[in-house]
Protein backbone atom coordinates (compact mmCIF):
# COMPACT_ATOMS: atom_id res chain seq x y z
CA MET A 1 0.00 0.00 0.00
CA GLU A 2 2.83 2.36 0.80
CA LEU A 3 3.99 2.21 -2.81
CA ILE A 4 0.56 3.17 -4.14
CA TYR A 5 0.28 6.03 -1.64
CA THR A 6 3.75 7.22 -2.62
CA THR A 7 2.79 7.19 -6.30
CA MET A 8 -0.38 9.15 -5.65
CA LEU A 9 1.45 11.68 -3.47
CA LEU A 10 4.13 12.26 -6.10
CA HIS A 11 1.47 12.61 -8.79
CA LYS A 12 -0.56 15.10 -6.73
CA ALA A 13 2.59 17.12 -6.04
CA GLY A 14 3.38 17.20 -9.76
CA LYS A 15 6.63 15.29 -9.27
CA GLU A 16 8.06 12.62 -11.54
CA ILE A 17 7.49 9.05 -10.42
CA SER A 18 11.12 7.99 -10.42
CA GLU A 19 13.16 5.64 -8.28
CA THR A 20 14.86 8.58 -6.59
CA ASN A 21 11.61 10.37 -5.71
CA VAL A 22 9.93 7.17 -4.53
CA LYS A 23 12.92 6.40 -2.28
CA LYS A 24 12.85 9.93 -0.83
CA VAL A 25 9.16 9.71 0.06
CA LEU A 26 9.48 6.23 1.56
CA THR A 27 12.59 7.18 3.54
CA SER A 28 10.97 10.30 4.94
CA ALA A 29 8.00 8.19 6.05
CA GLY A 30 10.25 5.60 7.66
CA VAL A 31 9.21 2.83 5.26
CA GLU A 32 11.71 0.32 3.92
CA LYS A 33 11.18 -1.30 0.51
CA SER A 34 13.62 -3.31 -1.56
CA GLU A 35 15.25 -1.93 -4.72
CA GLY A 36 13.33 -4.54 -6.71
CA GLU A 37 9.96 -3.38 -5.39
CA ILE A 38 10.76 0.25 -6.18
CA LYS A 39 12.04 -0.57 -9.69
CA ALA A 40 8.95 -2.69 -10.39
CA LEU A 41 6.68 0.14 -9.24
CA VAL A 42 8.37 2.75 -11.41
CA ALA A 43 8.32 0.42 -14.43
CA ALA A 44 4.64 -0.44 -13.92
CA MET A 45 3.62 3.19 -13.47
CA ALA A 46 5.39 4.33 -16.63
CA GLU A 47 2.45 3.07 -18.72
CA VAL A 48 -0.37 4.25 -16.43
CA ASP A 49 -2.41 7.43 -16.92
CA ILE A 50 -2.97 8.19 -13.24
CA GLU A 51 -5.60 10.91 -13.81
CA LYS A 52 -7.66 8.55 -15.97
CA ALA A 53 -7.34 5.74 -13.42
CA ILE A 54 -8.50 8.04 -10.61
CA LYS A 55 -11.52 9.23 -12.60
CA GLU A 56 -12.52 5.68 -13.53
CA ALA A 57 -12.24 4.52 -9.92
CA ALA A 58 -14.12 7.49 -8.46
CA VAL A 59 -17.40 6.71 -6.72
CA PRO A 60 -20.06 9.38 -6.31
CA VAL A 61 -20.50 10.46 -2.70
CA VAL A 62 -23.97 10.74 -1.20
CA SER A 63 -24.18 13.86 0.94
CA SER A 64 -27.31 12.87 2.87
CA SER A 65 -26.80 11.45 6.33
CA ALA A 66 -29.89 9.24 6.01
CA PRO A 67 -30.12 6.62 3.28
CA ALA A 68 -32.56 7.41 0.51
CA GLU A 69 -35.60 5.21 0.09
CA SER A 70 -35.61 3.07 -3.00
CA ALA A 71 -38.56 3.06 -5.37
CA VAL A 72 -39.47 -0.44 -4.16
CA GLU A 73 -39.60 0.72 -0.52
CA LYS A 74 -41.82 3.65 -1.43
CA LYS A 75 -44.15 1.36 -3.40
CA GLU A 76 -44.36 -1.10 -0.50
CA LYS A 77 -45.33 1.69 1.88
CA LYS A 78 -48.15 2.79 -0.42
CA GLU A 79 -49.50 -0.75 -0.78
CA GLU A 80 -49.76 -1.52 2.95
CA PRO A 81 -53.40 -2.35 3.71
CA LYS A 82 -55.08 -0.31 6.42
CA GLU A 83 -56.71 -2.44 9.11
CA ASP A 84 -60.26 -1.78 10.15
CA PRO A 85 -60.36 -1.39 13.97
CA GLU A 86 -63.71 -3.23 14.17
CA LYS A 87 -62.30 -6.28 12.38
CA ALA A 88 -59.27 -6.26 14.66
CA ALA A 89 -61.52 -6.14 17.74
CA ALA A 90 -63.68 -8.99 16.39
CA GLY A 91 -60.56 -11.12 16.01
CA LEU A 92 -59.63 -10.53 19.63
CA GLY A 93 -63.08 -11.66 20.75
CA ALA A 94 -62.50 -15.04 19.13
CA LEU A 95 -59.48 -15.57 21.38
CA PHE A 96 -61.55 -15.29 24.54
CA GLY A 97 -64.68 -16.85 23.04
């Protein structure tokens, strides 16, 4: 994860994603990675359009604190039958017969 964070930080700062810059960021954060891991990261990121990847991965954020009702939930609420109090009382009478 540290390597991905480093890449994103360098990108956001407008810095080149190079072995030297990656090492500087990791060192300043106290993270140790092997030369092979750093070289592999830089090589892999050379072909990636980071802005495009971020936009494709973005998920819209819902600003409401309460979840919105779905259309199905709204329909179910409308279709709930209303009970007649007299019928309910008649049913109770059968219990005590």
